[in-house]
Amino acid sequence: MTAEEQFNKVEEGEVITGRPFTVTRDTIQAFADASLDYNPLHFDDNYMKNKFGKTSFDGVIMHGMQNFALITRTLTDWLVPRGGFHRRLETRWLKPVQLGHTITPVATLRNKKRTEKGYWLLFDVEVNNQDGMLVATGNAMAEFLDVIPGQRR
């Protein structure tokens, strides 16, 4: 199927729900090993017991960038089989994600835009915890292509 056909097939308002992700010490450790971010607020239960500026947490929290990674996985899981590629993501972390929390990323196709050079999708993204509390929000852009990026046209 061509990029244009894939573009025409998707509908504004379509909702893409990612896989739920439960935060554990092992998932925090794995992300730290991959990112080389060993900040004690991700490992030391007592580090954030007192106020940290105007912020205080009840124990360790997940790396904020892991929200970013989970949103990216959600988008690429949906896009790549359709010939689409994730191009941009901007997020804002609203609440910390703690041990035992289960978070789920969701992307909603807000707008489709055809330009002279491509077929673009704009998404609103959010990550909610198990209580339905919004922990991250943002927007993303994707493109449908007839060739794999890096290949000559």
N, C-alpha and C. Protein backbone atom coordinates (compact mmCIF):
# COMPACT_ATOMS: atom_id res chain seq x y z
N MET A 1 0.84 -1.17 0.00
CA MET A 1 0.00 0.00 0.00
C MET A 1 0.89 1.24 0.00
N THR A 2 0.55 2.23 -0.79
CA THR A 2 1.37 3.45 -0.89
C THR A 2 1.17 4.33 0.34
N ALA A 3 2.06 5.29 0.48
CA ALA A 3 1.96 6.26 1.58
C ALA A 3 0.63 7.00 1.49
N GLU A 4 0.24 7.38 0.29
CA GLU A 4 -1.02 8.11 0.12
C GLU A 4 -2.22 7.24 0.53
N GLU A 5 -2.19 5.98 0.16
CA GLU A 5 -3.29 5.07 0.53
C GLU A 5 -3.35 4.88 2.05
N GLN A 6 -2.20 4.73 2.68
CA GLN A 6 -2.18 4.59 4.15
C GLN A 6 -2.70 5.87 4.80
N PHE A 7 -2.25 6.99 4.31
CA PHE A 7 -2.68 8.29 4.83
C PHE A 7 -4.19 8.44 4.73
N ASN A 8 -4.75 8.08 3.59
CA ASN A 8 -6.19 8.20 3.37
C ASN A 8 -6.99 7.24 4.24
N LYS A 9 -6.37 6.15 4.63
CA LYS A 9 -7.05 5.10 5.40
C LYS A 9 -7.25 5.48 6.87
N VAL A 10 -6.35 6.27 7.44
CA VAL A 10 -6.47 6.62 8.86
C VAL A 10 -7.42 7.80 9.02
N GLU A 11 -8.09 7.85 10.19
CA GLU A 11 -9.10 8.87 10.45
C GLU A 11 -8.69 9.77 11.61
N GLU A 12 -8.91 11.06 11.45
CA GLU A 12 -8.71 11.97 12.57
C GLU A 12 -9.61 11.51 13.71
N GLY A 13 -9.10 11.60 14.93
CA GLY A 13 -9.84 11.14 16.11
C GLY A 13 -9.52 9.71 16.49
N GLU A 14 -8.80 8.98 15.62
CA GLU A 14 -8.41 7.60 15.93
C GLU A 14 -7.54 7.59 17.18
N VAL A 15 -7.81 6.64 18.08
CA VAL A 15 -7.10 6.54 19.35
C VAL A 15 -6.23 5.29 19.34
N ILE A 16 -4.97 5.48 19.72
CA ILE A 16 -4.00 4.38 19.79
C ILE A 16 -3.62 4.22 21.26
N THR A 17 -3.95 3.08 21.83
CA THR A 17 -3.63 2.83 23.24
C THR A 17 -2.42 1.91 23.31
N GLY A 18 -1.41 2.37 24.04
CA GLY A 18 -0.20 1.58 24.20
C GLY A 18 -0.36 0.49 25.24
N ARG A 19 0.69 -0.28 25.39
CA ARG A 19 0.70 -1.36 26.37
C ARG A 19 0.87 -0.79 27.77
N PRO A 20 0.07 -1.26 28.74
CA PRO A 20 0.29 -0.83 30.12
C PRO A 20 1.69 -1.24 30.59
N PHE A 21 2.28 -0.42 31.45
CA PHE A 21 3.64 -0.64 31.93
C PHE A 21 3.65 -0.44 33.43
N THR A 22 4.05 -1.46 34.17
CA THR A 22 4.12 -1.37 35.63
C THR A 22 5.56 -1.11 36.06
N VAL A 23 5.74 -0.10 36.89
CA VAL A 23 7.06 0.33 37.34
C VAL A 23 7.52 -0.54 38.51
N THR A 24 8.71 -1.11 38.36
CA THR A 24 9.33 -1.91 39.42
C THR A 24 10.77 -1.43 39.59
N ARG A 25 11.41 -1.90 40.61
CA ARG A 25 12.83 -1.58 40.78
C ARG A 25 13.64 -2.12 39.59
N ASP A 26 13.24 -3.27 39.08
CA ASP A 26 13.96 -3.84 37.93
C ASP A 26 13.80 -2.98 36.68
N THR A 27 12.58 -2.43 36.42
CA THR A 27 12.40 -1.59 35.24
C THR A 27 13.15 -0.28 35.39
N ILE A 28 13.21 0.24 36.61
CA ILE A 28 13.99 1.45 36.86
C ILE A 28 15.48 1.18 36.64
N GLN A 29 15.95 0.05 37.14
CA GLN A 29 17.36 -0.32 36.98
C GLN A 29 17.70 -0.50 35.50
N ALA A 30 16.83 -1.17 34.76
CA ALA A 30 17.10 -1.40 33.34
C ALA A 30 17.16 -0.08 32.57
N PHE A 31 16.27 0.86 32.88
CA PHE A 31 16.30 2.14 32.19
C PHE A 31 17.55 2.93 32.58
N ALA A 32 17.93 2.86 33.85
CA ALA A 32 19.15 3.54 34.30
C ALA A 32 20.37 2.98 33.57
N ASP A 33 20.43 1.67 33.43
CA ASP A 33 21.55 1.04 32.73
C ASP A 33 21.60 1.47 31.26
N ALA A 34 20.44 1.62 30.64
CA ALA A 34 20.40 2.02 29.24
C ALA A 34 20.71 3.50 29.06
N SER A 35 20.27 4.32 30.01
CA SER A 35 20.43 5.77 29.86
C SER A 35 21.63 6.34 30.62
N LEU A 36 22.22 5.52 31.47
CA LEU A 36 23.33 5.92 32.35
C LEU A 36 22.90 7.00 33.36
N ASP A 37 21.60 7.03 33.68
CA ASP A 37 21.06 7.99 34.65
C ASP A 37 20.86 7.27 35.98
N TYR A 38 21.81 7.45 36.88
CA TYR A 38 21.76 6.79 38.19
C TYR A 38 21.46 7.79 39.30
N ASN A 39 20.68 8.79 39.00
CA ASN A 39 20.28 9.78 39.99
C ASN A 39 19.65 9.06 41.18
N PRO A 40 20.02 9.44 42.41
CA PRO A 40 19.50 8.74 43.58
C PRO A 40 17.98 8.83 43.74
N LEU A 41 17.33 9.80 43.12
CA LEU A 41 15.88 9.86 43.28
C LEU A 41 15.19 8.68 42.62
N HIS A 42 15.93 7.91 41.80
CA HIS A 42 15.40 6.71 41.18
C HIS A 42 15.75 5.44 41.97
N PHE A 43 16.62 5.57 42.99
CA PHE A 43 17.12 4.39 43.68
C PHE A 43 17.05 4.43 45.21
N ASP A 44 17.20 5.60 45.79
CA ASP A 44 17.30 5.72 47.24
C ASP A 44 15.96 6.16 47.82
N ASP A 45 15.29 5.24 48.54
CA ASP A 45 13.96 5.52 49.10
C ASP A 45 13.95 6.73 50.03
N ASN A 46 15.06 7.00 50.66
CA ASN A 46 15.10 8.09 51.63
C ASN A 46 15.56 9.42 51.02
N TYR A 47 16.10 9.39 49.82
CA TYR A 47 16.67 10.58 49.21
C TYR A 47 15.65 11.71 49.07
N MET A 48 14.43 11.38 48.72
CA MET A 48 13.41 12.39 48.47
C MET A 48 12.39 12.50 49.62
N LYS A 49 12.68 11.93 50.77
CA LYS A 49 11.74 12.02 51.91
C LYS A 49 11.56 13.47 52.35
N ASN A 50 12.64 14.23 52.34
CA ASN A 50 12.54 15.64 52.70
C ASN A 50 12.21 16.44 51.45
N LYS A 51 11.89 17.69 51.63
CA LYS A 51 11.56 18.53 50.47
C LYS A 51 12.78 18.73 49.59
N PHE A 52 12.55 18.69 48.31
CA PHE A 52 13.58 18.90 47.30
C PHE A 52 13.11 20.13 46.54
N GLY A 53 13.60 21.28 46.93
CA GLY A 53 13.02 22.51 46.41
C GLY A 53 11.60 22.59 46.95
N LYS A 54 10.63 22.68 46.07
CA LYS A 54 9.22 22.68 46.48
C LYS A 54 8.57 21.33 46.22
N THR A 55 9.39 20.34 45.93
CA THR A 55 8.88 19.02 45.56
C THR A 55 9.21 18.03 46.66
N SER A 56 8.29 17.11 46.93
CA SER A 56 8.59 16.01 47.81
C SER A 56 7.89 14.76 47.29
N PHE A 57 8.61 13.64 47.33
CA PHE A 57 8.08 12.38 46.84
C PHE A 57 8.11 11.39 48.00
N ASP A 58 7.26 10.38 47.90
CA ASP A 58 7.24 9.31 48.92
C ASP A 58 8.00 8.11 48.40
N GLY A 59 9.29 8.26 48.25
CA GLY A 59 10.11 7.16 47.74
C GLY A 59 10.60 7.44 46.34
N VAL A 60 11.20 6.41 45.74
CA VAL A 60 11.81 6.57 44.42
C VAL A 60 10.75 6.78 43.35
N ILE A 61 11.17 7.38 42.23
CA ILE A 61 10.28 7.59 41.09
C ILE A 61 10.94 7.08 39.82
N MET A 62 10.12 6.78 38.84
CA MET A 62 10.59 6.33 37.53
C MET A 62 11.26 7.50 36.81
N HIS A 63 12.20 7.20 35.94
CA HIS A 63 12.81 8.22 35.08
C HIS A 63 11.72 8.86 34.22
N GLY A 64 11.69 10.17 34.16
CA GLY A 64 10.71 10.86 33.33
C GLY A 64 10.83 10.49 31.87
N MET A 65 12.06 10.27 31.42
CA MET A 65 12.26 9.93 30.01
C MET A 65 11.68 8.57 29.65
N GLN A 66 11.36 7.77 30.65
CA GLN A 66 10.73 6.49 30.33
C GLN A 66 9.31 6.71 29.80
N ASN A 67 8.63 7.77 30.25
CA ASN A 67 7.34 8.14 29.64
C ASN A 67 7.55 8.36 28.14
N PHE A 68 8.60 9.10 27.82
CA PHE A 68 8.94 9.42 26.43
C PHE A 68 9.13 8.11 25.64
N ALA A 69 9.86 7.19 26.21
CA ALA A 69 10.14 5.91 25.54
C ALA A 69 8.86 5.10 25.33
N LEU A 70 7.97 5.10 26.30
CA LEU A 70 6.73 4.34 26.17
C LEU A 70 5.80 4.95 25.13
N ILE A 71 5.77 6.27 25.05
CA ILE A 71 4.98 6.94 24.00
C ILE A 71 5.57 6.59 22.64
N THR A 72 6.89 6.65 22.53
CA THR A 72 7.55 6.32 21.26
C THR A 72 7.23 4.90 20.84
N ARG A 73 7.28 3.96 21.76
CA ARG A 73 6.94 2.56 21.44
C ARG A 73 5.50 2.46 20.95
N THR A 74 4.59 3.17 21.60
CA THR A 74 3.18 3.14 21.20
C THR A 74 3.02 3.63 19.77
N LEU A 75 3.67 4.75 19.46
CA LEU A 75 3.57 5.31 18.11
C LEU A 75 4.21 4.40 17.07
N THR A 76 5.42 3.92 17.34
CA THR A 76 6.11 3.10 16.33
C THR A 76 5.41 1.75 16.15
N ASP A 77 4.85 1.17 17.22
CA ASP A 77 4.11 -0.08 17.08
C ASP A 77 2.94 0.09 16.11
N TRP A 78 2.31 1.25 16.12
CA TRP A 78 1.17 1.52 15.25
C TRP A 78 1.63 1.98 13.86
N LEU A 79 2.65 2.82 13.80
CA LEU A 79 3.06 3.43 12.54
C LEU A 79 3.82 2.49 11.60
N VAL A 80 4.82 1.81 12.10
CA VAL A 80 5.73 1.05 11.24
C VAL A 80 5.00 0.02 10.38
N PRO A 81 4.06 -0.77 10.92
CA PRO A 81 3.36 -1.72 10.03
C PRO A 81 2.55 -1.03 8.92
N ARG A 82 2.24 0.24 9.11
CA ARG A 82 1.48 1.00 8.11
C ARG A 82 2.39 1.80 7.18
N GLY A 83 3.69 1.70 7.36
CA GLY A 83 4.62 2.45 6.53
C GLY A 83 4.87 3.86 7.03
N GLY A 84 4.55 4.10 8.30
CA GLY A 84 4.74 5.42 8.88
C GLY A 84 5.97 5.47 9.76
N PHE A 85 6.46 6.69 9.97
CA PHE A 85 7.66 6.88 10.78
C PHE A 85 7.44 8.03 11.74
N HIS A 86 7.84 7.82 12.96
CA HIS A 86 7.74 8.81 14.03
C HIS A 86 8.81 9.87 13.79
N ARG A 87 8.41 11.14 13.75
CA ARG A 87 9.35 12.21 13.42
C ARG A 87 9.67 13.14 14.58
N ARG A 88 8.72 13.39 15.47
CA ARG A 88 8.95 14.36 16.54
C ARG A 88 8.05 14.03 17.71
N LEU A 89 8.53 14.31 18.93
CA LEU A 89 7.74 14.12 20.13
C LEU A 89 8.14 15.18 21.15
N GLU A 90 7.18 15.86 21.68
CA GLU A 90 7.39 16.81 22.77
C GLU A 90 6.47 16.41 23.91
N THR A 91 7.04 16.31 25.11
CA THR A 91 6.21 15.92 26.26
C THR A 91 6.47 16.85 27.44
N ARG A 92 5.55 16.79 28.34
CA ARG A 92 5.67 17.52 29.60
C ARG A 92 5.26 16.56 30.71
N TRP A 93 6.15 16.41 31.70
CA TRP A 93 5.86 15.55 32.83
C TRP A 93 5.07 16.34 33.85
N LEU A 94 3.94 15.79 34.27
CA LEU A 94 3.04 16.49 35.17
C LEU A 94 3.08 15.96 36.60
N LYS A 95 3.25 14.66 36.74
CA LYS A 95 3.27 14.03 38.05
C LYS A 95 4.32 12.91 38.05
N PRO A 96 4.95 12.67 39.18
CA PRO A 96 5.92 11.57 39.24
C PRO A 96 5.22 10.22 39.17
N VAL A 97 5.92 9.25 38.61
CA VAL A 97 5.43 7.88 38.53
C VAL A 97 6.24 7.07 39.54
N GLN A 98 5.53 6.44 40.46
CA GLN A 98 6.20 5.75 41.56
C GLN A 98 6.18 4.24 41.39
N LEU A 99 6.97 3.56 42.22
CA LEU A 99 6.99 2.10 42.22
C LEU A 99 5.58 1.56 42.35
N GLY A 100 5.28 0.54 41.57
CA GLY A 100 3.97 -0.10 41.62
C GLY A 100 2.92 0.55 40.74
N HIS A 101 3.17 1.77 40.27
CA HIS A 101 2.22 2.41 39.38
C HIS A 101 2.22 1.70 38.03
N THR A 102 1.05 1.63 37.42
CA THR A 102 0.92 1.12 36.06
C THR A 102 0.46 2.27 35.20
N ILE A 103 1.26 2.57 34.19
CA ILE A 103 0.95 3.70 33.31
C ILE A 103 0.65 3.20 31.90
N THR A 104 -0.20 3.94 31.21
CA THR A 104 -0.60 3.56 29.86
C THR A 104 -0.55 4.79 28.96
N PRO A 105 0.26 4.75 27.89
CA PRO A 105 0.29 5.85 26.94
C PRO A 105 -0.86 5.74 25.93
N VAL A 106 -1.38 6.90 25.55
CA VAL A 106 -2.46 6.97 24.56
C VAL A 106 -2.13 8.10 23.59
N ALA A 107 -2.31 7.84 22.30
CA ALA A 107 -2.12 8.86 21.28
C ALA A 107 -3.42 8.99 20.49
N THR A 108 -3.84 10.23 20.27
CA THR A 108 -5.05 10.49 19.49
C THR A 108 -4.65 11.26 18.24
N LEU A 109 -5.05 10.76 17.09
CA LEU A 109 -4.74 11.43 15.83
C LEU A 109 -5.58 12.71 15.73
N ARG A 110 -4.91 13.84 15.93
CA ARG A 110 -5.58 15.14 15.97
C ARG A 110 -5.80 15.71 14.58
N ASN A 111 -4.79 15.53 13.71
CA ASN A 111 -4.85 16.21 12.42
C ASN A 111 -4.02 15.45 11.39
N LYS A 112 -4.51 15.44 10.15
CA LYS A 112 -3.77 14.90 9.01
C LYS A 112 -3.48 16.08 8.10
N LYS A 113 -2.27 16.11 7.55
CA LYS A 113 -1.91 17.21 6.67
C LYS A 113 -1.08 16.68 5.51
N ARG A 114 -1.58 16.90 4.33
CA ARG A 114 -0.83 16.54 3.13
C ARG A 114 -0.09 17.78 2.66
N THR A 115 1.20 17.62 2.42
CA THR A 115 2.00 18.72 1.89
C THR A 115 2.57 18.29 0.55
N GLU A 116 3.27 19.19 -0.07
CA GLU A 116 3.90 18.88 -1.35
C GLU A 116 4.91 17.74 -1.21
N LYS A 117 5.51 17.63 -0.02
CA LYS A 117 6.57 16.65 0.18
C LYS A 117 6.20 15.45 1.05
N GLY A 118 4.98 15.41 1.59
CA GLY A 118 4.69 14.28 2.45
C GLY A 118 3.27 14.23 2.97
N TYR A 119 3.05 13.16 3.73
CA TYR A 119 1.76 12.88 4.35
C TYR A 119 1.97 12.84 5.86
N TRP A 120 1.52 13.87 6.56
CA TRP A 120 1.86 14.09 7.95
C TRP A 120 0.67 13.83 8.87
N LEU A 121 1.00 13.30 10.05
CA LEU A 121 0.01 13.04 11.09
C LEU A 121 0.44 13.79 12.34
N LEU A 122 -0.50 14.44 13.00
CA LEU A 122 -0.24 15.12 14.27
C LEU A 122 -1.07 14.44 15.35
N PHE A 123 -0.40 14.08 16.45
CA PHE A 123 -1.04 13.36 17.54
C PHE A 123 -1.01 14.18 18.83
N ASP A 124 -2.06 14.07 19.62
CA ASP A 124 -2.02 14.48 21.02
C ASP A 124 -1.68 13.22 21.79
N VAL A 125 -0.75 13.33 22.74
CA VAL A 125 -0.35 12.15 23.51
C VAL A 125 -0.53 12.42 24.99
N GLU A 126 -0.83 11.36 25.71
CA GLU A 126 -0.91 11.46 27.17
C GLU A 126 -0.56 10.11 27.78
N VAL A 127 -0.13 10.18 29.02
CA VAL A 127 0.16 8.98 29.80
C VAL A 127 -0.63 9.11 31.10
N ASN A 128 -1.42 8.09 31.39
CA ASN A 128 -2.23 8.07 32.61
C ASN A 128 -1.78 6.93 33.51
N ASN A 129 -1.94 7.13 34.82
CA ASN A 129 -1.62 6.03 35.73
C ASN A 129 -2.88 5.19 35.99
N GLN A 130 -2.72 4.20 36.84
CA GLN A 130 -3.79 3.24 37.11
C GLN A 130 -5.04 3.89 37.70
N ASP A 131 -4.92 5.08 38.25
CA ASP A 131 -6.06 5.80 38.81
C ASP A 131 -6.67 6.78 37.81
N GLY A 132 -6.19 6.76 36.58
CA GLY A 132 -6.68 7.68 35.57
C GLY A 132 -6.09 9.07 35.68
N MET A 133 -5.07 9.23 36.52
CA MET A 133 -4.41 10.52 36.70
C MET A 133 -3.42 10.76 35.57
N LEU A 134 -3.49 11.93 34.96
CA LEU A 134 -2.59 12.30 33.87
C LEU A 134 -1.20 12.58 34.44
N VAL A 135 -0.19 11.83 33.97
CA VAL A 135 1.18 12.01 34.47
C VAL A 135 2.10 12.65 33.44
N ALA A 136 1.72 12.59 32.14
CA ALA A 136 2.50 13.23 31.09
C ALA A 136 1.58 13.56 29.93
N THR A 137 1.92 14.61 29.22
CA THR A 137 1.13 15.02 28.07
C THR A 137 2.05 15.61 27.02
N GLY A 138 1.58 15.69 25.79
CA GLY A 138 2.40 16.28 24.75
C GLY A 138 1.79 16.13 23.38
N ASN A 139 2.65 16.23 22.36
CA ASN A 139 2.20 16.04 20.99
C ASN A 139 3.32 15.39 20.19
N ALA A 140 2.92 14.78 19.09
CA ALA A 140 3.86 14.05 18.25
C ALA A 140 3.52 14.28 16.79
N MET A 141 4.51 14.05 15.95
CA MET A 141 4.33 14.16 14.52
C MET A 141 4.89 12.90 13.87
N ALA A 142 4.20 12.44 12.83
CA ALA A 142 4.64 11.26 12.09
C ALA A 142 4.42 11.51 10.61
N GLU A 143 5.05 10.66 9.80
CA GLU A 143 4.95 10.82 8.35
C GLU A 143 4.82 9.45 7.70
N PHE A 144 3.98 9.37 6.68
CA PHE A 144 3.92 8.18 5.84
C PHE A 144 4.85 8.38 4.66
N LEU A 145 5.64 7.36 4.35
CA LEU A 145 6.59 7.41 3.24
C LEU A 145 6.45 6.17 2.37
N ASP A 146 6.80 6.33 1.11
CA ASP A 146 6.82 5.18 0.21
C ASP A 146 8.15 4.43 0.27
N VAL A 147 9.16 5.03 0.89
CA VAL A 147 10.47 4.40 1.03
C VAL A 147 10.90 4.48 2.48
N ILE A 148 11.83 3.63 2.84
CA ILE A 148 12.39 3.66 4.19
C ILE A 148 13.34 4.83 4.30
N PRO A 149 13.29 5.61 5.41
CA PRO A 149 14.23 6.72 5.55
C PRO A 149 15.67 6.24 5.35
N GLY A 150 16.43 7.01 4.60
CA GLY A 150 17.81 6.66 4.32
C GLY A 150 17.98 6.02 2.95
N GLN A 151 16.88 5.44 2.41
CA GLN A 151 16.95 4.89 1.07
C GLN A 151 16.82 6.01 0.05
N ARG A 152 17.38 5.82 -1.10
CA ARG A 152 17.25 6.81 -2.17
C ARG A 152 15.89 6.67 -2.83
N ARG A 153 15.35 7.80 -3.17
CA ARG A 153 14.04 7.79 -3.85
C ARG A 153 14.20 7.65 -5.33
